[in-house]
Amino acid sequence: MRITSTVIGITLFAGAASAFGLPAVPRTATNGVINKAAFGAAKKSSMVQPIDLNGKRIGSPIALNSEATAGDGLSAKGGAAAKLDVPLLMYFLFWYVGNYYYNITNKLALKAAGGSAGFPMTISSLQLGVGCLYGIFLWLAPDARKKPEIGLDDVIKMLPVAFCAMGAHCASVFALSAGAVSFGQIVKASEPAFAAVLSTFVYKKKISKAKWACLPIIIGGVILASVKELDFAVSALVSACIANLFAAFKGNENKKLMETEGIKDRIGSVGNQFALTSILAFLMSIPLFIAKEGKRWGEFVNIAKTNPTVSGNLIASGLWFYGYNELATMTLKKTGAVTQSVANTAKRVIVIVGVALVLGESMDPIKLLGCGIGIGGVFLYSIIDNLLGNA
């Protein structure tokens, strides 16, 4: 992949990703700038705006309400006919694009640095660091994003979520370094199985019988996809499962965190929440990186200096990772449960097939069948309670 095209793509994506953090500055008549209000024009709000932790736009009378009867992706204007909600559709678009390009640039960086025997921990840690720099930039840039007003107690309460986020990311990167991206994504699609077990036996939350019945479908699909995987590695399978475990813990810990009185107001927005989590996750990843690959830091620096494929794709993957995750968080907070299920299912299909085609990974019919069964099982798991009720 050419560095020039990568930089251009990241620039466009970063502009879209940061748009919700850059509120529109009203025009005034000062310094010869025309004030549109003087002509009686209605005040226009920026197309993409920051949203709070409840999923509502900050400083806007218009909301992408997931409970609206018009349905997800549609909003009513003055009681008239519904129209397409362009900002929400843009969130979906750039979420998918970001996830797709992250997987490609991440794999290219890993392969160029030696694969699983190279520097997966170093790359995963530095990816978090790149995202942190972008998040901090939005706090420091004038009129960009309001800083969170948290205290030490809030930071301490965020540590479990950040640790799980770090574990999920690092394990995912190692899984993708050890095997095919498509295979890693198929295994990661089985996360609901881990979430169900943890919710039941650790967090004492009830999971419906209907959801339990979906788990064999998901697991069976993963097993079937593994049978014909040409780039199969036990380490990739185990690492992807560990990533699922961390992701399931993160989801439950995040719910507990958001129940803390007043913390939503102190954090301020979805963007702030993700930035804080990323910074803490990066700091936690440093000791692991030093313990596992610290002695080879000089070797990695030399590779990064002499091989632009490593350095360019490392920076690109860090920006793609931060941007698509923040947009995914925003998007899912603005939609209902069914839409979330459809969106996540479609995203995995696009990434698995698209990345496999670009990177030349195996597309054996049995693997595709297993992929379809597994992802179909995930989709069914997500909506089964809505179809049958909590049985």
Protein backbone atom coordinates (compact mmCIF):
# COMPACT_ATOMS: atom_id res chain seq x y z
CA MET A 1 0.00 0.00 0.00
CA ARG A 2 1.42 3.34 -0.95
CA ILE A 3 2.10 5.69 1.95
CA THR A 4 0.70 8.68 0.05
CA SER A 5 -2.71 7.10 -0.46
CA THR A 6 -2.72 5.92 3.14
CA VAL A 7 -2.03 9.40 4.48
CA ILE A 8 -4.73 10.91 2.27
CA GLY A 9 -7.24 8.31 3.42
CA ILE A 10 -6.39 8.86 7.08
CA THR A 11 -6.68 12.61 6.66
CA LEU A 12 -10.18 12.27 5.26
CA PHE A 13 -11.20 9.79 7.93
CA ALA A 14 -9.67 11.79 10.77
CA GLY A 15 -11.57 14.83 9.57
CA ALA A 16 -14.82 12.92 9.73
CA ALA A 17 -13.95 11.27 13.03
CA SER A 18 -13.05 14.57 14.64
CA ALA A 19 -16.05 16.41 13.24
CA PHE A 20 -18.16 15.49 16.25
CA GLY A 21 -15.49 17.03 18.45
CA LEU A 22 -15.29 20.32 16.56
CA PRO A 23 -18.43 22.38 17.16
CA ALA A 24 -19.30 24.99 14.58
CA VAL A 25 -18.08 28.51 15.37
CA PRO A 26 -20.89 31.00 14.73
CA ARG A 27 -20.14 33.64 12.17
CA THR A 28 -20.23 37.26 13.24
CA ALA A 29 -20.01 40.59 11.51
CA THR A 30 -16.59 41.18 13.10
CA ASN A 31 -13.64 41.62 10.74
CA GLY A 32 -15.89 41.86 7.74
CA VAL A 33 -17.39 38.37 8.12
CA ILE A 34 -21.03 38.35 7.16
CA ASN A 35 -23.51 37.41 9.87
CA LYS A 36 -26.18 35.29 8.20
CA ALA A 37 -28.62 35.97 11.02
CA ALA A 38 -28.78 39.59 9.85
CA PHE A 39 -30.63 38.38 6.79
CA GLY A 40 -33.11 36.44 8.85
CA ALA A 41 -31.61 33.09 7.97
CA ALA A 42 -32.21 30.27 10.42
CA LYS A 43 -29.22 29.31 12.55
CA LYS A 44 -27.75 26.07 11.29
CA SER A 45 -26.11 23.51 13.53
CA SER A 46 -23.08 21.53 12.43
CA MET A 47 -23.87 18.31 10.63
CA VAL A 48 -21.91 16.14 13.05
CA GLN A 49 -21.87 17.11 16.71
CA PRO A 50 -20.53 15.69 19.98
CA ILE A 51 -22.86 13.40 21.90
CA ASP A 52 -23.03 12.74 25.61
CA LEU A 53 -22.87 9.37 27.34
CA ASN A 54 -26.63 9.01 27.09
CA GLY A 55 -26.47 9.20 23.31
CA LYS A 56 -27.85 12.74 22.95
CA ARG A 57 -26.23 15.45 20.88
CA ILE A 58 -24.58 18.16 22.94
CA GLY A 59 -25.92 21.64 22.26
CA SER A 60 -28.37 20.58 19.56
CA PRO A 61 -32.18 20.53 19.52
CA ILE A 62 -32.04 17.61 17.08
CA ALA A 63 -31.48 14.12 18.44
CA LEU A 64 -30.84 10.80 16.79
CA ASN A 65 -33.27 9.14 19.17
CA SER A 66 -33.10 5.36 19.09
CA GLU A 67 -36.56 5.22 20.66
CA ALA A 68 -38.21 7.24 17.92
CA THR A 69 -41.06 5.43 16.24
CA ALA A 70 -39.74 6.50 12.86
CA GLY A 71 -36.98 3.91 13.25
CA ASP A 72 -33.23 4.01 13.38
CA GLY A 73 -31.54 6.20 10.82
CA LEU A 74 -34.68 8.31 10.35
CA SER A 75 -35.76 11.51 12.04
CA ALA A 76 -38.97 13.49 11.76
CA LYS A 77 -38.86 17.15 10.88
CA GLY A 78 -41.66 19.20 12.44
CA GLY A 79 -44.00 16.22 12.38
CA ALA A 80 -43.67 15.99 8.61
CA ALA A 81 -42.51 13.00 6.62
CA ALA A 82 -39.38 11.31 7.95
CA LYS A 83 -36.10 11.91 6.19
CA LEU A 84 -32.74 10.20 6.14
CA ASP A 85 -30.53 11.06 9.08
CA VAL A 86 -27.33 11.86 7.19
CA PRO A 87 -25.04 12.20 10.26
CA LEU A 88 -25.99 8.75 11.53
CA LEU A 89 -25.44 7.24 8.11
CA MET A 90 -22.03 8.91 7.98
CA TYR A 91 -21.18 7.39 11.36
CA PHE A 92 -21.99 3.94 9.97
CA LEU A 93 -20.00 4.56 6.78
CA PHE A 94 -16.81 5.74 8.48
CA TRP A 95 -17.12 3.09 11.19
CA TYR A 96 -17.08 0.39 8.51
CA VAL A 97 -14.36 2.08 6.46
CA GLY A 98 -12.19 2.59 9.55
CA ASN A 99 -12.57 -1.01 10.70
CA TYR A 100 -11.76 -2.30 7.21
CA TYR A 101 -8.61 -0.22 6.79
CA TYR A 102 -7.48 -0.87 10.36
CA ASN A 103 -7.44 -4.61 9.72
CA ILE A 104 -5.48 -4.17 6.50
CA THR A 105 -2.88 -1.70 7.80
CA ASN A 106 -2.52 -3.65 11.05
CA LYS A 107 -1.82 -6.90 9.19
CA LEU A 108 0.64 -5.21 6.82
CA ALA A 109 2.58 -3.72 9.73
CA LEU A 110 2.64 -7.04 11.58
CA LYS A 111 3.80 -9.03 8.53
CA ALA A 112 6.52 -6.51 7.67
CA ALA A 113 7.79 -6.64 11.26
CA GLY A 114 8.04 -10.43 11.35
CA GLY A 115 4.53 -11.69 12.15
CA SER A 116 3.91 -13.41 15.48
CA ALA A 117 7.68 -13.88 15.93
CA GLY A 118 8.22 -10.17 15.38
CA PHE A 119 6.82 -7.37 17.50
CA PRO A 120 3.04 -7.82 18.02
CA MET A 121 3.12 -6.45 21.58
CA THR A 122 5.20 -3.44 20.56
CA ILE A 123 2.89 -2.66 17.65
CA SER A 124 -0.30 -3.07 19.70
CA SER A 125 1.05 -0.78 22.43
CA LEU A 126 2.21 1.88 19.98
CA GLN A 127 -1.16 1.76 18.21
CA LEU A 128 -2.81 2.73 21.49
CA GLY A 129 -0.21 5.47 21.90
CA VAL A 130 -0.96 6.94 18.46
CA GLY A 131 -4.65 7.09 19.31
CA CYS A 132 -3.90 8.76 22.64
CA LEU A 133 -1.97 11.54 20.90
CA TYR A 134 -4.98 12.22 18.68
CA GLY A 135 -7.36 12.27 21.66
CA ILE A 136 -5.09 14.66 23.60
CA PHE A 137 -4.80 16.88 20.52
CA LEU A 138 -8.58 17.36 20.51
CA TRP A 139 -8.44 18.52 24.13
CA LEU A 140 -5.63 20.99 23.46
CA ALA A 141 -6.84 22.37 20.11
CA PRO A 142 -8.87 25.60 20.42
CA ASP A 143 -12.64 25.08 20.32
CA ALA A 144 -12.23 21.35 19.73
CA ARG A 145 -13.40 19.17 22.61
CA LYS A 146 -14.17 20.11 26.19
CA LYS A 147 -11.84 18.42 28.66
CA PRO A 148 -13.32 15.98 31.18
CA GLU A 149 -13.65 17.14 34.78
CA ILE A 150 -12.73 13.95 36.58
CA GLY A 151 -10.86 13.32 39.81
CA LEU A 152 -8.47 10.64 41.02
CA ASP A 153 -11.36 8.52 42.32
CA ASP A 154 -12.92 8.50 38.84
CA VAL A 155 -9.63 7.45 37.27
CA ILE A 156 -9.30 4.57 39.74
CA LYS A 157 -12.83 3.42 38.91
CA MET A 158 -11.96 3.46 35.19
CA LEU A 159 -8.91 1.20 35.62
CA PRO A 160 -10.78 -2.14 35.25
CA VAL A 161 -12.38 -1.00 31.98
CA ALA A 162 -9.05 0.30 30.67
CA PHE A 163 -7.23 -2.90 31.65
CA CYS A 164 -9.80 -5.03 29.83
CA ALA A 165 -9.61 -2.73 26.79
CA MET A 166 -5.82 -3.11 26.77
CA GLY A 167 -6.03 -6.89 27.10
CA ALA A 168 -8.64 -7.21 24.35
CA HIS A 169 -6.63 -5.07 21.92
CA CYS A 170 -3.24 -6.67 22.56
CA ALA A 171 -4.63 -10.21 22.36
CA SER A 172 -6.46 -9.35 19.13
CA VAL A 173 -3.31 -7.97 17.54
CA PHE A 174 -1.36 -11.09 18.49
CA ALA A 175 -4.13 -13.30 17.07
CA LEU A 176 -4.03 -11.39 13.78
CA SER A 177 -0.24 -11.65 13.67
CA ALA A 178 -0.35 -15.44 14.13
CA GLY A 179 -3.06 -16.25 11.58
CA ALA A 180 -5.31 -14.92 8.85
CA VAL A 181 -7.33 -11.78 9.55
CA SER A 182 -10.50 -13.47 8.33
CA PHE A 183 -10.00 -16.39 10.72
CA GLY A 184 -9.30 -14.07 13.64
CA GLN A 185 -12.47 -12.12 12.91
CA ILE A 186 -14.52 -15.32 12.74
CA VAL A 187 -13.27 -16.39 16.17
CA LYS A 188 -13.84 -12.90 17.58
CA ALA A 189 -17.42 -13.10 16.37
CA SER A 190 -18.00 -15.73 19.06
CA GLU A 191 -17.68 -13.11 21.80
CA PRO A 192 -21.36 -13.52 22.87
CA ALA A 193 -20.53 -17.03 24.10
CA PHE A 194 -17.91 -15.60 26.47
CA ALA A 195 -20.22 -12.75 27.48
CA ALA A 196 -23.03 -15.18 28.32
CA VAL A 197 -20.82 -17.34 30.54
CA LEU A 198 -19.31 -14.35 32.35
CA SER A 199 -22.64 -12.61 32.83
CA THR A 200 -24.15 -15.76 34.34
CA PHE A 201 -21.37 -17.08 36.56
CA VAL A 202 -19.36 -13.96 37.43
CA TYR A 203 -21.79 -11.04 37.31
CA LYS A 204 -24.87 -13.11 38.28
CA LYS A 205 -26.99 -11.79 35.43
CA LYS A 206 -29.69 -13.93 33.88
CA ILE A 207 -29.31 -15.00 30.26
CA SER A 208 -32.45 -16.27 28.53
CA LYS A 209 -32.74 -19.91 27.48
CA ALA A 210 -33.20 -18.75 23.91
CA LYS A 211 -29.79 -17.07 23.95
CA TRP A 212 -28.14 -20.11 25.46
CA ALA A 213 -29.64 -22.16 22.61
CA CYS A 214 -27.86 -19.90 20.09
CA LEU A 215 -24.39 -20.53 21.49
CA PRO A 216 -23.89 -24.00 19.93
CA ILE A 217 -24.62 -22.44 16.52
CA ILE A 218 -21.92 -19.80 17.05
CA ILE A 219 -19.35 -22.26 18.36
CA GLY A 220 -20.18 -24.77 15.64
CA GLY A 221 -19.64 -22.14 12.96
CA VAL A 222 -16.22 -21.26 14.37
CA ILE A 223 -15.21 -24.94 14.49
CA LEU A 224 -16.38 -25.50 10.92
CA ALA A 225 -14.47 -22.43 9.70
CA SER A 226 -11.34 -23.71 11.45
CA VAL A 227 -11.41 -27.07 9.68
CA LYS A 228 -10.46 -25.63 6.28
CA GLU A 229 -8.37 -22.69 7.51
CA LEU A 230 -5.10 -22.86 5.57
CA ASP A 231 -3.41 -20.36 7.88
CA PHE A 232 -4.61 -22.02 11.09
CA ALA A 233 -2.52 -21.60 14.22
CA VAL A 234 -3.41 -22.66 17.73
CA SER A 235 -1.86 -19.45 19.05
CA ALA A 236 -4.22 -17.39 16.85
CA LEU A 237 -7.24 -19.31 18.14
CA VAL A 238 -6.19 -19.03 21.79
CA SER A 239 -5.31 -15.33 21.48
CA ALA A 240 -8.63 -14.51 19.81
CA CYS A 241 -10.46 -16.35 22.60
CA ILE A 242 -8.50 -14.38 25.22
CA ALA A 243 -9.45 -11.19 23.39
CA ASN A 244 -13.10 -12.25 23.57
CA LEU A 245 -12.75 -12.89 27.29
CA PHE A 246 -11.30 -9.43 27.91
CA ALA A 247 -13.95 -7.84 25.70
CA ALA A 248 -16.72 -9.58 27.64
CA PHE A 249 -15.23 -8.38 30.95
CA LYS A 250 -14.91 -4.88 29.52
CA GLY A 251 -18.58 -4.75 28.58
CA ASN A 252 -19.72 -5.73 32.06
CA GLU A 253 -17.21 -3.47 33.83
CA ASN A 254 -18.21 -0.54 31.66
CA LYS A 255 -21.85 -0.98 32.66
CA LYS A 256 -20.81 -0.92 36.32
CA LEU A 257 -18.69 2.19 35.74
CA MET A 258 -21.54 4.09 34.07
CA GLU A 259 -23.75 3.38 37.09
CA THR A 260 -21.42 5.49 39.25
CA GLU A 261 -23.29 8.58 40.35
CA GLY A 262 -22.31 11.72 38.43
CA ILE A 263 -19.51 10.14 36.39
CA LYS A 264 -21.32 10.69 33.08
CA ASP A 265 -21.48 14.41 33.74
CA ARG A 266 -17.84 14.59 34.79
CA ILE A 267 -16.61 12.69 31.72
CA GLY A 268 -18.81 14.77 29.47
CA SER A 269 -19.00 12.91 26.17
CA VAL A 270 -18.47 9.61 24.40
CA GLY A 271 -15.27 10.99 22.88
CA ASN A 272 -13.87 11.83 26.31
CA GLN A 273 -14.77 8.42 27.65
CA PHE A 274 -12.95 6.64 24.84
CA ALA A 275 -9.94 8.96 25.04
CA LEU A 276 -9.56 8.40 28.79
CA THR A 277 -9.90 4.64 28.38
CA SER A 278 -7.30 4.64 25.58
CA ILE A 279 -4.78 6.67 27.59
CA LEU A 280 -5.07 4.39 30.61
CA ALA A 281 -4.91 1.29 28.39
CA PHE A 282 -1.75 2.57 26.72
CA LEU A 283 -0.05 3.22 30.06
CA MET A 284 -0.99 -0.27 31.23
CA SER A 285 0.39 -1.84 28.05
CA ILE A 286 3.88 -0.38 28.53
CA PRO A 287 5.00 -2.84 31.27
CA LEU A 288 3.79 -5.77 29.15
CA PHE A 289 5.59 -4.45 26.09
CA ILE A 290 8.82 -4.00 28.10
CA ALA A 291 8.56 -7.46 29.65
CA LYS A 292 7.87 -9.27 26.37
CA GLU A 293 9.78 -7.31 23.72
CA GLY A 294 11.62 -4.55 25.57
CA LYS A 295 15.04 -6.10 25.00
CA ARG A 296 14.44 -5.95 21.25
CA TRP A 297 13.35 -2.30 21.17
CA GLY A 298 16.49 -1.24 19.30
CA GLU A 299 15.85 -3.88 16.65
CA PHE A 300 12.29 -2.66 16.18
CA VAL A 301 13.41 0.96 15.87
CA ASN A 302 15.86 -0.03 13.12
CA ILE A 303 13.13 -1.92 11.26
CA ALA A 304 10.74 1.01 11.56
CA LYS A 305 13.40 3.44 10.28
CA THR A 306 14.42 1.34 7.31
CA ASN A 307 11.05 -0.15 6.36
CA PRO A 308 8.31 2.42 5.67
CA THR A 309 5.76 -0.40 5.46
CA VAL A 310 6.16 -0.90 9.20
CA SER A 311 6.24 2.73 10.30
CA GLY A 312 3.60 3.97 7.86
CA ASN A 313 1.10 1.20 8.57
CA LEU A 314 1.78 1.37 12.31
CA ILE A 315 0.76 5.04 12.43
CA ALA A 316 -2.12 4.45 10.04
CA SER A 317 -3.48 1.47 11.99
CA GLY A 318 -3.28 3.43 15.26
CA LEU A 319 -5.34 6.27 13.80
CA TRP A 320 -7.81 3.92 12.12
CA PHE A 321 -8.22 1.94 15.36
CA TYR A 322 -8.90 5.01 17.47
CA GLY A 323 -11.20 6.61 14.93
CA TYR A 324 -13.36 3.61 14.09
CA ASN A 325 -13.77 2.57 17.72
CA GLU A 326 -14.88 6.04 18.79
CA LEU A 327 -17.29 6.24 15.87
CA ALA A 328 -18.60 2.74 16.63
CA THR A 329 -19.29 3.79 20.24
CA MET A 330 -21.15 6.87 19.05
CA THR A 331 -23.10 4.95 16.42
CA LEU A 332 -24.22 2.16 18.74
CA LYS A 333 -25.36 4.67 21.36
CA LYS A 334 -27.61 6.26 18.77
CA THR A 335 -29.36 3.11 17.58
CA GLY A 336 -31.69 0.45 18.92
CA ALA A 337 -30.79 -3.13 19.77
CA VAL A 338 -31.89 -4.64 16.46
CA THR A 339 -30.03 -2.04 14.42
CA GLN A 340 -26.90 -2.67 16.49
CA SER A 341 -27.14 -6.38 15.74
CA VAL A 342 -27.57 -5.84 12.02
CA ALA A 343 -24.74 -3.28 11.96
CA ASN A 344 -22.27 -5.51 13.79
CA THR A 345 -23.17 -8.51 11.63
CA ALA A 346 -22.80 -6.55 8.39
CA LYS A 347 -19.50 -5.07 9.61
CA ARG A 348 -17.97 -8.49 10.26
CA VAL A 349 -19.08 -9.84 6.89
CA ILE A 350 -17.63 -6.83 5.05
CA VAL A 351 -14.34 -6.99 6.94
CA ILE A 352 -13.90 -10.76 6.64
CA VAL A 353 -14.66 -10.94 2.93
CA GLY A 354 -13.04 -7.62 1.96
CA VAL A 355 -9.79 -8.17 3.86
CA ALA A 356 -9.53 -11.77 2.65
CA LEU A 357 -9.78 -10.58 -0.95
CA VAL A 358 -7.24 -7.77 -0.52
CA LEU A 359 -4.68 -9.84 1.40
CA GLY A 360 -5.19 -13.00 -0.67
CA GLU A 361 -6.38 -15.14 2.25
CA SER A 362 -8.09 -18.49 1.75
CA MET A 363 -11.80 -18.41 0.84
CA ASP A 364 -12.57 -22.12 1.00
CA PRO A 365 -16.32 -22.88 0.73
CA ILE A 366 -16.28 -24.75 4.04
CA LYS A 367 -14.62 -21.79 5.71
CA LEU A 368 -17.21 -19.43 4.24
CA LEU A 369 -20.01 -21.76 5.36
CA GLY A 370 -18.63 -21.85 8.89
CA CYS A 371 -18.25 -18.07 8.82
CA GLY A 372 -21.86 -17.67 7.71
CA ILE A 373 -23.17 -20.05 10.40
CA GLY A 374 -21.12 -18.40 13.14
CA ILE A 375 -22.06 -14.83 12.25
CA GLY A 376 -25.67 -15.86 11.66
CA GLY A 377 -25.68 -17.37 15.14
CA VAL A 378 -24.34 -14.12 16.59
CA PHE A 379 -27.07 -12.16 14.85
CA LEU A 380 -29.73 -14.57 16.12
CA TYR A 381 -28.27 -14.35 19.63
CA SER A 382 -28.58 -10.57 19.50
CA ILE A 383 -32.24 -10.44 18.45
CA ILE A 384 -33.72 -13.67 19.82
CA ASP A 385 -35.11 -12.05 22.96
CA ASN A 386 -36.83 -9.40 20.86
CA LEU A 387 -38.43 -12.11 18.72
CA LEU A 388 -39.51 -14.50 21.47
CA GLY A 389 -39.46 -12.42 24.63
CA ASN A 390 -37.23 -13.14 27.61
CA ALA A 391 -38.04 -16.81 27.96
